[in-house]
Amino acid sequence: MKLSNTPFKRIMLLLMAVTMMLTAADAAVQTSKRRVRKKVVTPEQQAAQRQQEQEQERERIENTTIVEEYVTTSEIQAEGTYYEESATAVTEETVETVDQMPEFADGGETGLLRWLSHHVKYPAKAAQNNISGKVMVRFLVRSDGSVTDVEVVHGVHPSLDNEAQRVCGELPRFKPAMLDGRPVAYHYVVPVTFKIQY
């Protein structure tokens, strides 16, 4: 059937256009609808899920490599950088008795006392006031030979104590203490003597 160019043809074309528009609009509405499916979880399932998440986190932490970087006080001063010890610093278990004591790498105890005498700077005020004496300093020689946790256990005067603590904080690495053939952390006490030379 052939339609002539009449108002009837125009109406039919208009109806077809409207039908097509409605079909397209309906398709758009159908695709934009989202289905929300609610899942019911029991308290036991929640607890199991939490436990699984905790185990995954524990495994992630165990597989994390901890890298420690050691810097000396002189390096810090040279760089002008302020370093703050991390609150999560790895602590090392120390032992009370060892098979072999820590040893200063450059000459043992004699070399250590020689190194200290070359690096100690006598505080000017203490020298002017004739303050002298022996400051006992304790520090931890870690299993890698580095020196940390420097503290004065028997002081003489604040200026001398501070200098003794400073210089021991700059000590180079030791040969670590040994126990059963393995390196261990060990506390070491050394005297830092301040004597006025006349």
Protein backbone atom coordinates (compact mmCIF):
# COMPACT_ATOMS: atom_id res chain seq x y z
CA MET A 1 0.00 0.00 0.00
CA LYS A 2 1.45 3.27 -1.01
CA LEU A 3 0.64 6.30 1.04
CA SER A 4 0.12 9.50 -0.78
CA ASN A 5 1.48 12.74 0.45
CA THR A 6 -1.43 13.49 2.68
CA PRO A 7 -2.08 14.53 6.26
CA PHE A 8 -2.58 10.84 7.03
CA LYS A 9 1.01 10.13 5.96
CA ARG A 10 2.27 12.93 8.16
CA ILE A 11 0.35 11.58 11.16
CA MET A 12 1.76 8.09 10.59
CA LEU A 13 5.30 9.42 10.39
CA LEU A 14 4.75 11.45 13.56
CA LEU A 15 3.39 8.36 15.37
CA MET A 16 6.38 6.31 14.26
CA ALA A 17 8.79 9.00 15.52
CA VAL A 18 7.00 9.20 18.87
CA THR A 19 7.07 5.39 19.19
CA MET A 20 10.78 5.30 18.47
CA MET A 21 11.45 8.04 21.04
CA LEU A 22 9.42 6.23 23.69
CA THR A 23 11.22 2.95 22.95
CA ALA A 24 14.62 4.66 23.28
CA ALA A 25 13.58 6.40 26.52
CA ASP A 26 12.32 3.09 27.96
CA ALA A 27 15.61 1.37 27.08
CA ALA A 28 17.57 4.16 28.77
CA VAL A 29 15.45 3.83 31.92
CA GLN A 30 15.92 0.06 31.95
CA THR A 31 19.73 0.31 31.67
CA SER A 32 19.96 3.01 34.36
CA LYS A 33 18.10 0.94 36.94
CA ARG A 34 20.37 -0.69 39.48
CA ARG A 35 19.56 -3.67 41.48
CA VAL A 36 20.59 -3.45 45.11
CA ARG A 37 20.98 -6.84 46.65
CA LYS A 38 21.36 -6.88 50.41
CA LYS A 39 23.37 -9.69 51.87
CA VAL A 40 22.59 -10.85 55.38
CA VAL A 41 25.74 -11.54 57.38
CA THR A 42 25.64 -13.36 60.68
CA PRO A 43 27.79 -12.28 63.66
CA GLU A 44 29.84 -15.48 63.22
CA GLN A 45 30.58 -14.56 59.60
CA GLN A 46 31.55 -11.03 60.67
CA ALA A 47 33.93 -12.44 63.32
CA ALA A 48 35.47 -14.84 60.78
CA GLN A 49 35.92 -12.00 58.28
CA ARG A 50 37.58 -9.80 60.94
CA GLN A 51 39.91 -12.66 61.91
CA GLN A 52 40.86 -13.20 58.28
CA GLU A 53 41.64 -9.49 57.85
CA GLN A 54 43.79 -9.53 61.02
CA GLU A 55 45.70 -12.58 59.77
CA GLN A 56 46.32 -10.87 56.41
CA GLU A 57 47.60 -7.74 58.21
CA ARG A 58 49.86 -9.84 60.49
CA GLU A 59 51.24 -11.66 57.45
CA ARG A 60 51.87 -8.34 55.68
CA ILE A 61 53.78 -7.02 58.72
CA GLU A 62 55.84 -10.23 59.04
CA ASN A 63 56.84 -9.98 55.38
CA THR A 64 57.92 -6.33 55.72
CA THR A 65 61.68 -5.86 55.65
CA ILE A 66 63.01 -3.46 58.28
CA VAL A 67 65.99 -1.43 57.15
CA GLU A 68 67.94 0.50 59.77
CA GLU A 69 70.23 3.36 58.92
CA TYR A 70 72.87 4.54 61.35
CA VAL A 71 74.28 8.04 61.32
CA THR A 72 76.86 9.61 63.59
CA THR A 73 76.40 12.88 65.40
CA SER A 74 79.09 14.51 63.24
CA GLU A 75 77.18 13.48 60.07
CA ILE A 76 74.02 15.01 61.50
CA GLN A 77 75.82 18.27 62.32
CA ALA A 78 77.50 18.33 58.91
CA GLU A 79 74.20 17.86 57.10
CA GLY A 80 72.35 20.22 59.41
CA THR A 81 69.55 17.68 59.57
CA TYR A 82 67.54 16.83 62.65
CA TYR A 83 67.00 13.11 63.15
CA GLU A 84 64.43 11.82 65.58
CA GLU A 85 64.55 8.23 66.72
CA SER A 86 61.49 6.40 65.56
CA ALA A 87 59.02 5.26 68.18
CA THR A 88 58.90 1.96 66.36
CA ALA A 89 62.65 1.41 66.42
CA VAL A 90 63.63 -2.21 66.56
CA THR A 91 64.98 -3.11 69.99
CA GLU A 92 67.60 -5.80 70.30
CA GLU A 93 67.73 -8.27 73.16
CA THR A 94 70.90 -7.88 75.20
CA VAL A 95 72.73 -10.61 77.08
CA GLU A 96 74.52 -10.47 80.44
CA THR A 97 77.29 -12.99 79.79
CA VAL A 98 79.16 -13.57 76.56
CA ASP A 99 81.91 -15.81 75.27
CA GLN A 100 83.78 -12.83 73.82
CA MET A 101 83.45 -9.17 74.83
CA PRO A 102 82.88 -6.43 72.24
CA GLU A 103 86.18 -5.11 70.94
CA PHE A 104 87.10 -1.72 69.56
CA ALA A 105 88.03 -2.52 65.95
CA ASP A 106 91.14 -0.31 65.91
CA GLY A 107 93.33 -1.65 68.71
CA GLY A 108 91.01 -3.07 71.35
CA GLU A 109 90.70 -1.30 74.72
CA THR A 110 93.98 0.58 74.28
CA GLY A 111 92.87 1.77 70.86
CA LEU A 112 89.49 2.83 72.30
CA LEU A 113 91.09 4.96 75.05
CA ARG A 114 93.48 6.47 72.48
CA TRP A 115 90.53 7.28 70.15
CA LEU A 116 88.63 8.92 73.00
CA SER A 117 91.64 11.03 74.04
CA HIS A 118 92.00 12.33 70.45
CA HIS A 119 88.30 13.17 70.05
CA VAL A 120 87.35 14.58 73.47
CA LYS A 121 87.12 18.36 73.59
CA TYR A 122 87.70 19.65 77.12
CA PRO A 123 84.88 22.10 77.90
CA ALA A 124 86.39 25.58 78.34
CA LYS A 125 84.37 26.48 81.45
CA ALA A 126 85.32 23.22 83.16
CA ALA A 127 89.00 23.84 82.38
CA GLN A 128 88.82 27.43 83.66
CA ASN A 129 87.24 26.22 86.91
CA ASN A 130 89.73 23.33 87.30
CA ILE A 131 86.99 20.73 87.03
CA SER A 132 88.37 17.30 86.16
CA GLY A 133 87.57 13.67 86.77
CA LYS A 134 86.51 10.38 85.27
CA VAL A 135 83.05 10.07 83.68
CA MET A 136 81.74 6.50 83.36
CA VAL A 137 79.74 6.08 80.17
CA ARG A 138 77.61 3.06 79.30
CA PHE A 139 76.46 2.25 75.78
CA LEU A 140 75.04 -0.63 73.82
CA VAL A 141 77.21 -2.34 71.23
CA ARG A 142 74.61 -3.90 68.94
CA SER A 143 75.07 -7.20 67.14
CA ASP A 144 76.16 -5.29 64.01
CA GLY A 145 78.84 -3.44 66.04
CA SER A 146 77.12 -0.05 66.05
CA VAL A 147 77.01 2.02 69.24
CA THR A 148 73.64 3.22 70.58
CA ASP A 149 71.86 4.11 73.85
CA VAL A 150 74.76 6.16 75.25
CA GLU A 151 74.24 7.22 78.88
CA VAL A 152 76.33 8.55 81.76
CA VAL A 153 76.28 6.13 84.70
CA HIS A 154 78.69 8.08 86.93
CA GLY A 155 79.08 11.77 86.24
CA VAL A 156 81.47 14.46 87.44
CA HIS A 157 80.01 17.75 86.18
CA PRO A 158 77.27 18.46 83.60
CA SER A 159 79.71 19.95 81.07
CA LEU A 160 82.09 16.98 81.33
CA ASP A 161 79.20 14.48 81.35
CA ASN A 162 77.71 15.99 78.17
CA GLU A 163 81.07 15.91 76.38
CA ALA A 164 81.70 12.29 77.38
CA GLN A 165 78.24 11.32 76.16
CA ARG A 166 78.73 13.22 72.89
CA VAL A 167 82.10 11.66 72.07
CA CYS A 168 80.90 8.12 72.87
CA GLY A 169 77.93 8.69 70.60
CA GLU A 170 80.41 9.19 67.74
CA LEU A 171 82.35 5.98 68.32
CA PRO A 172 82.96 3.91 65.18
CA ARG A 173 81.66 0.35 64.97
CA PHE A 174 83.04 -2.32 67.30
CA LYS A 175 83.57 -6.00 66.73
CA PRO A 176 80.38 -7.22 68.43
CA ALA A 177 80.23 -9.52 71.43
CA MET A 178 79.94 -13.20 70.60
CA LEU A 179 77.83 -15.89 72.24
CA ASP A 180 77.72 -19.46 70.94
CA GLY A 181 79.39 -18.34 67.73
CA ARG A 182 76.91 -15.59 66.88
CA PRO A 183 77.08 -11.80 67.37
CA VAL A 184 74.90 -10.40 70.19
CA ALA A 185 74.11 -7.01 71.72
CA TYR A 186 76.03 -6.20 74.88
CA HIS A 187 76.32 -3.19 77.21
CA TYR A 188 79.82 -1.76 77.46
CA VAL A 189 81.12 0.69 80.10
CA VAL A 190 84.10 2.91 79.39
CA PRO A 191 85.80 5.65 81.48
CA VAL A 192 86.26 9.03 79.82
CA THR A 193 88.98 10.83 81.76
CA PHE A 194 89.24 14.62 81.89
CA LYS A 195 92.59 15.72 83.23
CA ILE A 196 93.93 19.25 83.10
CA GLN A 197 97.50 19.31 81.78
CA TYR A 198 99.75 21.96 83.35
